[in-house]
Amino acid sequence: MTQLARTETRGTPTPLVARRRPNWAWLGVLPFFLFVTAFLFWPAASIVVQSFLDQNRNFTLANIQALGAPFIRTSYIYTVQLSAVTALGGGLLGFLLAYAVTVGGLPRPLRAALLTFSGVASNFAGIPLAFAFIATLGVQGVVTQWLRSMGISIYPTFSLYSFWGLAIVYIYFQIPLMVLIMAPALDGLKREWREAAENLGATGWQYWRMVALPILLPSILGTMVLLFGNAFGAHATANALTGGGSQANVVTILIAAQISSDALANPGLGNALALGMIVIMALTIGLYTWLQRMSERWLR
C-alpha cells in the first residue's frame, strides 16, 4: 500500500509555478525621484554643509551664531509677520470665495471661470505681478491717479513698497490658492449631514457652527499653514517690487544680498539664513501634513 501511494505520487504531474515577471512600474517614478534628488535633496544637503564653512572652506560656527544678530532677527520677524498676515487675510477671503463657488450655488459657467482664473492667478507672481501693481497702485498708478482726481491722496500715508503694500500684493496670489484647495473640501461636505441637522431642528447658522466648520477647521487651518509657507518662501515678487532694497526686509532678499552682492558677499551666512528657512518650512510642512490627516477622517 505504501509502495503504491509512492508510485501514484511520483506519477502525478507537478504543477508549474508561474514565474513572477519583473515589475518595471518603478521606472515611471524614477525620473521624479531623480528630479527631486537633483533639485531638492542635493541643494538642501549642500546648504547644510556650507552653513558651517567660512570663506576659506574651513569649519566654523560663526555663520550659525550670526543668525542672532539684530538685523537678521528683525528680518525673520518681518518675514514671519508678513507671511502670517497674508495667510490669514488670503485664507479668510479665499474661503469666502470658495464658499460662493461651491456651496453658494453660483451658475456652473461662472464657477468654472472662477476656478480657471484661480488656477492662473495663483501662479501669477514675480516681475509681472510687481509691474501690474506698480501700474495700478504705484505713485503714478491708474487707481492712484483716479483717487487723486477725486481729492483722495493715498501717498505718502500708504506706500506700495511698505509692509502693507507687500501684504496686498501677496494676498493677490494667496486668495486663489486658498480657493483651489478649499473648493474640493467644501464639495466633500455630505448632503446627509445637513439634512440630519435640519431634521433635528438646526438652523443654517447652527449647522455651520456645530457641524460644517468643525469638520472643515483642520482643512482651513492646514491651508492657511500652506499659505504661510507659500509667502515665507516668496522672493521674486518682493525683489521685483522693491528692487532688492532695504524697503523690504524679507529673508529671501537678505539671502540674495549675501550670495550675489559684491559688498555684502558672505556665502556662508547666506546658506545659514537659508538653513533657518528650511527649518521653518519643514515645521510648516509637518503641521500641514498633520492637519490634512485630521481632515481626511471626515472628507473621504
Protein backbone atom coordinates (compact mmCIF):
# COMPACT_ATOMS: atom_id res chain seq x y z
CA MET A 1 0.00 0.00 0.00
CA THR A 2 2.76 2.40 0.88
CA GLN A 3 4.65 1.48 -2.29
CA LEU A 4 1.50 2.11 -4.37
CA ALA A 5 1.00 5.55 -2.80
CA ARG A 6 4.58 6.42 -3.56
CA THR A 7 4.11 5.29 -7.14
CA GLU A 8 0.97 7.39 -7.57
CA THR A 9 2.66 10.39 -6.01
CA ARG A 10 5.57 10.05 -8.35
CA GLY A 11 3.27 9.73 -11.33
CA THR A 12 1.25 12.86 -10.52
CA PRO A 13 2.44 15.78 -12.61
CA THR A 14 3.73 18.66 -10.51
CA PRO A 15 2.05 21.97 -11.39
CA LEU A 16 4.43 24.52 -12.80
CA VAL A 17 4.90 27.56 -10.59
CA ALA A 18 4.25 30.69 -12.60
CA ARG A 19 7.35 32.75 -12.81
CA ARG A 20 6.99 36.25 -11.49
CA ARG A 21 7.55 38.77 -14.17
CA PRO A 22 9.76 41.68 -13.16
CA ASN A 23 7.79 44.75 -12.20
CA TRP A 24 9.01 47.68 -14.24
CA ALA A 25 6.40 50.12 -12.93
CA TRP A 26 9.00 51.80 -10.71
CA LEU A 27 10.72 53.10 -13.84
CA GLY A 28 7.79 55.51 -14.24
CA VAL A 29 8.63 57.31 -11.00
CA LEU A 30 12.40 57.13 -11.45
CA PRO A 31 12.61 60.48 -13.30
CA PHE A 32 10.62 62.07 -10.48
CA PHE A 33 13.00 60.79 -7.80
CA LEU A 34 16.00 61.85 -9.88
CA PHE A 35 14.50 65.32 -10.26
CA VAL A 36 13.72 65.62 -6.54
CA THR A 37 17.20 64.41 -5.62
CA ALA A 38 18.93 66.79 -8.03
CA PHE A 39 16.88 69.90 -7.26
CA LEU A 40 15.71 69.38 -3.67
CA PHE A 41 17.71 66.95 -1.56
CA TRP A 42 21.14 67.70 -3.04
CA PRO A 43 20.78 71.51 -2.75
CA ALA A 44 19.37 71.13 0.78
CA ALA A 45 22.31 68.96 1.80
CA SER A 46 24.69 71.47 0.22
CA ILE A 47 23.09 74.30 2.19
CA VAL A 48 23.52 72.38 5.45
CA VAL A 49 27.19 71.67 4.76
CA GLN A 50 28.08 75.16 3.56
CA SER A 51 26.37 76.76 6.54
CA PHE A 52 29.29 75.51 8.64
CA LEU A 53 32.05 76.66 6.28
CA ASP A 54 33.76 80.01 6.14
CA GLN A 55 35.01 81.74 3.01
CA ASN A 56 38.21 79.67 3.17
CA ARG A 57 36.15 76.42 3.27
CA ASN A 58 37.08 75.77 6.91
CA PHE A 59 34.65 74.54 9.56
CA THR A 60 33.10 77.35 11.63
CA LEU A 61 30.09 78.09 13.78
CA ALA A 62 30.25 81.82 13.10
CA ASN A 63 27.55 81.65 10.40
CA ILE A 64 25.05 79.96 12.72
CA GLN A 65 25.91 82.31 15.57
CA ALA A 66 25.41 85.28 13.26
CA LEU A 67 21.72 84.37 12.95
CA GLY A 68 21.22 86.02 16.33
CA ALA A 69 22.34 89.41 15.01
CA PRO A 70 19.69 92.14 15.40
CA PHE A 71 19.23 92.84 11.67
CA ILE A 72 18.86 89.14 10.88
CA ARG A 73 16.42 88.58 13.72
CA THR A 74 14.44 91.60 12.54
CA SER A 75 14.37 90.20 9.00
CA TYR A 76 12.98 86.86 10.19
CA ILE A 77 10.34 88.60 12.32
CA TYR A 78 9.37 90.83 9.40
CA THR A 79 9.03 87.85 7.05
CA VAL A 80 7.05 85.78 9.57
CA GLN A 81 4.68 88.68 10.22
CA LEU A 82 4.21 89.31 6.51
CA SER A 83 3.55 85.61 5.87
CA ALA A 84 1.12 85.32 8.79
CA VAL A 85 -0.87 88.43 7.79
CA THR A 86 -1.17 87.37 4.15
CA ALA A 87 -2.02 83.78 5.12
CA LEU A 88 -4.79 84.98 7.44
CA GLY A 89 -6.16 87.61 5.05
CA GLY A 90 -5.86 85.46 1.95
CA GLY A 91 -7.25 82.46 3.81
CA LEU A 92 -10.39 84.23 5.04
CA LEU A 93 -11.13 85.94 1.73
CA GLY A 94 -10.30 82.79 -0.20
CA PHE A 95 -12.58 80.67 1.97
CA LEU A 96 -15.49 83.05 1.40
CA LEU A 97 -14.86 82.95 -2.35
CA ALA A 98 -14.59 79.15 -2.30
CA TYR A 99 -17.89 79.01 -0.40
CA ALA A 100 -19.53 81.17 -3.06
CA VAL A 101 -18.11 78.98 -5.81
CA THR A 102 -19.22 75.66 -4.28
CA VAL A 103 -21.98 75.86 -1.65
CA GLY A 104 -23.20 79.31 -2.67
CA GLY A 105 -24.87 77.95 -5.77
CA LEU A 106 -23.15 80.01 -8.45
CA PRO A 107 -24.03 79.10 -12.04
CA ARG A 108 -21.80 76.38 -13.44
CA PRO A 109 -20.17 78.57 -16.15
CA LEU A 110 -19.30 81.23 -13.57
CA ARG A 111 -17.90 78.59 -11.22
CA ALA A 112 -15.73 77.14 -13.99
CA ALA A 113 -14.50 80.63 -14.89
CA LEU A 114 -13.58 81.46 -11.27
CA LEU A 115 -11.75 78.17 -10.76
CA THR A 116 -9.85 78.66 -14.03
CA PHE A 117 -8.91 82.20 -13.01
CA SER A 118 -7.78 80.93 -9.59
CA GLY A 119 -5.51 78.39 -11.27
CA VAL A 120 -3.88 81.15 -13.33
CA ALA A 121 -3.75 83.83 -10.61
CA SER A 122 -2.19 81.51 -8.02
CA ASN A 123 0.87 81.22 -10.28
CA PHE A 124 0.96 84.87 -11.32
CA ALA A 125 3.88 86.30 -9.36
CA GLY A 126 7.33 87.76 -9.75
CA ILE A 127 8.10 90.62 -12.14
CA PRO A 128 4.73 90.58 -13.99
CA LEU A 129 2.77 90.81 -10.72
CA ALA A 130 5.03 93.55 -9.34
CA PHE A 131 4.70 95.58 -12.55
CA ALA A 132 0.92 95.12 -12.54
CA PHE A 133 0.62 96.52 -9.01
CA ILE A 134 3.06 99.36 -9.72
CA ALA A 135 0.92 100.32 -12.72
CA THR A 136 -2.20 100.11 -10.54
CA LEU A 137 -1.26 101.33 -7.05
CA GLY A 138 2.11 102.94 -7.63
CA VAL A 139 2.78 106.63 -7.22
CA GLN A 140 1.61 107.20 -10.81
CA GLY A 141 -0.68 104.18 -10.93
CA VAL A 142 -4.10 104.16 -12.53
CA VAL A 143 -6.03 103.76 -9.28
CA THR A 144 -3.77 106.28 -7.50
CA GLN A 145 -4.41 108.93 -10.15
CA TRP A 146 -8.14 108.20 -10.17
CA LEU A 147 -8.31 108.66 -6.41
CA ARG A 148 -6.21 111.81 -6.69
CA SER A 149 -8.71 113.24 -9.19
CA MET A 150 -11.41 112.70 -6.57
CA GLY A 151 -9.38 114.56 -3.96
CA ILE A 152 -8.08 111.44 -2.20
CA SER A 153 -4.31 111.14 -1.94
CA ILE A 154 -3.12 107.78 -0.59
CA TYR A 155 0.56 108.80 -0.73
CA PRO A 156 2.64 109.28 1.38
CA THR A 157 0.36 107.70 4.02
CA PHE A 158 0.30 104.48 2.01
CA SER A 159 3.20 103.03 0.08
CA LEU A 160 3.15 100.03 -2.20
CA TYR A 161 6.71 99.28 -1.10
CA SER A 162 5.91 99.17 2.62
CA PHE A 163 4.78 96.22 4.75
CA TRP A 164 1.10 96.64 3.95
CA GLY A 165 1.84 97.27 0.29
CA LEU A 166 3.69 93.98 0.08
CA ALA A 167 0.87 92.32 2.03
CA ILE A 168 -1.69 93.46 -0.56
CA VAL A 169 0.47 92.10 -3.38
CA TYR A 170 0.98 88.77 -1.61
CA ILE A 171 -2.72 88.40 -0.84
CA TYR A 172 -3.40 88.60 -4.58
CA PHE A 173 -1.90 85.15 -5.16
CA GLN A 174 -2.87 83.79 -1.74
CA ILE A 175 -6.63 84.07 -2.33
CA PRO A 176 -6.79 81.89 -5.48
CA LEU A 177 -4.56 79.27 -3.89
CA MET A 178 -6.99 79.07 -0.97
CA VAL A 179 -9.88 78.70 -3.41
CA LEU A 180 -8.22 75.85 -5.29
CA ILE A 181 -7.55 73.88 -2.09
CA MET A 182 -10.77 74.60 -0.20
CA ALA A 183 -13.20 74.09 -3.09
CA PRO A 184 -12.78 70.26 -3.05
CA ALA A 185 -13.05 70.27 0.76
CA LEU A 186 -16.34 72.18 0.60
CA ASP A 187 -17.57 69.83 -2.11
CA GLY A 188 -16.73 66.95 0.24
CA LEU A 189 -19.37 68.01 2.77
CA LYS A 190 -22.05 65.34 2.62
CA ARG A 191 -25.61 66.39 1.99
CA GLU A 192 -26.78 63.87 4.59
CA TRP A 193 -25.08 65.88 7.35
CA ARG A 194 -27.10 68.99 6.56
CA GLU A 195 -30.32 67.02 6.18
CA ALA A 196 -29.75 65.33 9.52
CA ALA A 197 -29.10 68.69 11.20
CA GLU A 198 -32.23 70.20 9.68
CA ASN A 199 -34.31 67.20 10.76
CA LEU A 200 -33.10 67.81 14.32
CA GLY A 201 -34.26 71.41 14.11
CA ALA A 202 -30.91 73.13 13.47
CA THR A 203 -30.82 76.38 11.54
CA GLY A 204 -28.35 77.09 8.77
CA TRP A 205 -26.08 79.03 11.14
CA GLN A 206 -26.21 76.23 13.72
CA TYR A 207 -25.33 73.67 11.04
CA TRP A 208 -22.26 75.64 10.00
CA ARG A 209 -21.22 76.47 13.55
CA MET A 210 -21.68 72.98 15.03
CA VAL A 211 -21.19 70.60 12.09
CA ALA A 212 -19.60 72.02 8.95
CA LEU A 213 -16.99 74.37 10.41
CA PRO A 214 -15.63 71.82 12.97
CA ILE A 215 -15.23 69.35 10.11
CA LEU A 216 -13.60 71.91 7.81
CA LEU A 217 -11.45 73.51 10.51
CA PRO A 218 -8.42 71.19 10.01
CA SER A 219 -8.58 71.82 6.25
CA ILE A 220 -8.89 75.58 6.75
CA LEU A 221 -6.01 75.74 9.22
CA GLY A 222 -3.89 73.39 7.12
CA THR A 223 -4.42 75.50 4.02
CA MET A 224 -3.55 78.66 5.92
CA VAL A 225 -0.36 76.98 7.08
CA LEU A 226 0.36 76.19 3.43
CA LEU A 227 -0.30 79.84 2.53
CA PHE A 228 2.14 80.86 5.26
CA GLY A 229 4.85 78.67 3.72
CA ASN A 230 3.99 79.98 0.26
CA ALA A 231 4.50 83.58 1.37
CA PHE A 232 7.53 82.80 3.53
CA GLY A 233 9.44 81.35 0.60
CA ALA A 234 8.45 84.02 -1.94
CA HIS A 235 11.32 86.05 -3.36
CA ALA A 236 10.72 87.21 -6.92
CA THR A 237 7.69 89.38 -6.16
CA ALA A 238 9.25 91.30 -3.26
CA ASN A 239 12.57 91.62 -5.05
CA ALA A 240 10.98 92.91 -8.25
CA LEU A 241 8.71 95.29 -6.35
CA THR A 242 11.38 96.88 -4.19
CA GLY A 243 14.44 96.32 -6.34
CA GLY A 244 16.05 94.32 -3.54
CA GLY A 245 16.45 97.43 -1.41
CA SER A 246 16.08 97.90 2.30
CA GLN A 247 12.40 98.79 1.98
CA ALA A 248 11.52 95.09 2.07
CA ASN A 249 13.34 93.40 4.92
CA VAL A 250 12.49 89.93 3.65
CA VAL A 251 14.76 86.97 4.43
CA THR A 252 14.95 85.83 0.81
CA ILE A 253 16.22 89.27 -0.29
CA LEU A 254 18.77 89.20 2.52
CA ILE A 255 19.97 85.78 1.32
CA ALA A 256 20.33 87.06 -2.24
CA ALA A 257 22.35 90.02 -0.94
CA GLN A 258 24.75 87.70 0.89
CA ILE A 259 25.30 85.47 -2.14
CA SER A 260 25.24 87.80 -5.15
CA SER A 261 26.22 91.21 -3.77
CA ASP A 262 29.78 92.43 -4.19
CA ALA A 263 29.78 94.49 -0.98
CA LEU A 264 27.94 92.09 1.34
CA ALA A 265 29.02 88.79 -0.18
CA ASN A 266 29.17 86.12 2.51
CA PRO A 267 28.01 82.78 1.07
CA GLY A 268 28.33 81.03 4.42
CA LEU A 269 25.94 83.44 6.11
CA GLY A 270 23.60 83.23 3.14
CA ASN A 271 23.50 79.44 3.45
CA ALA A 272 22.92 79.73 7.21
CA LEU A 273 19.96 82.03 6.52
CA ALA A 274 18.63 79.52 4.01
CA LEU A 275 19.09 76.76 6.60
CA GLY A 276 16.90 78.72 9.00
CA MET A 277 14.26 78.98 6.31
CA ILE A 278 14.47 75.23 5.67
CA VAL A 279 13.82 74.54 9.36
CA ILE A 280 10.77 76.83 9.38
CA MET A 281 9.46 75.36 6.14
CA ALA A 282 9.94 71.81 7.45
CA LEU A 283 7.89 72.67 10.55
CA THR A 284 5.26 74.24 8.32
CA ILE A 285 5.02 71.17 6.10
CA GLY A 286 4.85 68.88 9.13
CA LEU A 287 2.00 70.89 10.66
CA TYR A 288 0.18 70.96 7.32
CA THR A 289 0.51 67.17 6.93
CA TRP A 290 -0.84 66.58 10.44
CA LEU A 291 -3.84 68.84 9.84
CA GLN A 292 -4.55 67.19 6.49
CA ARG A 293 -4.64 63.76 8.14
CA MET A 294 -7.17 65.08 10.62
CA SER A 295 -9.38 66.44 7.85
CA GLU A 296 -9.21 63.22 5.81
CA ARG A 297 -11.04 61.33 8.57
CA TRP A 298 -14.24 63.13 7.56
CA LEU A 299 -13.70 64.22 3.96
CA ARG A 300 -13.04 60.86 2.34
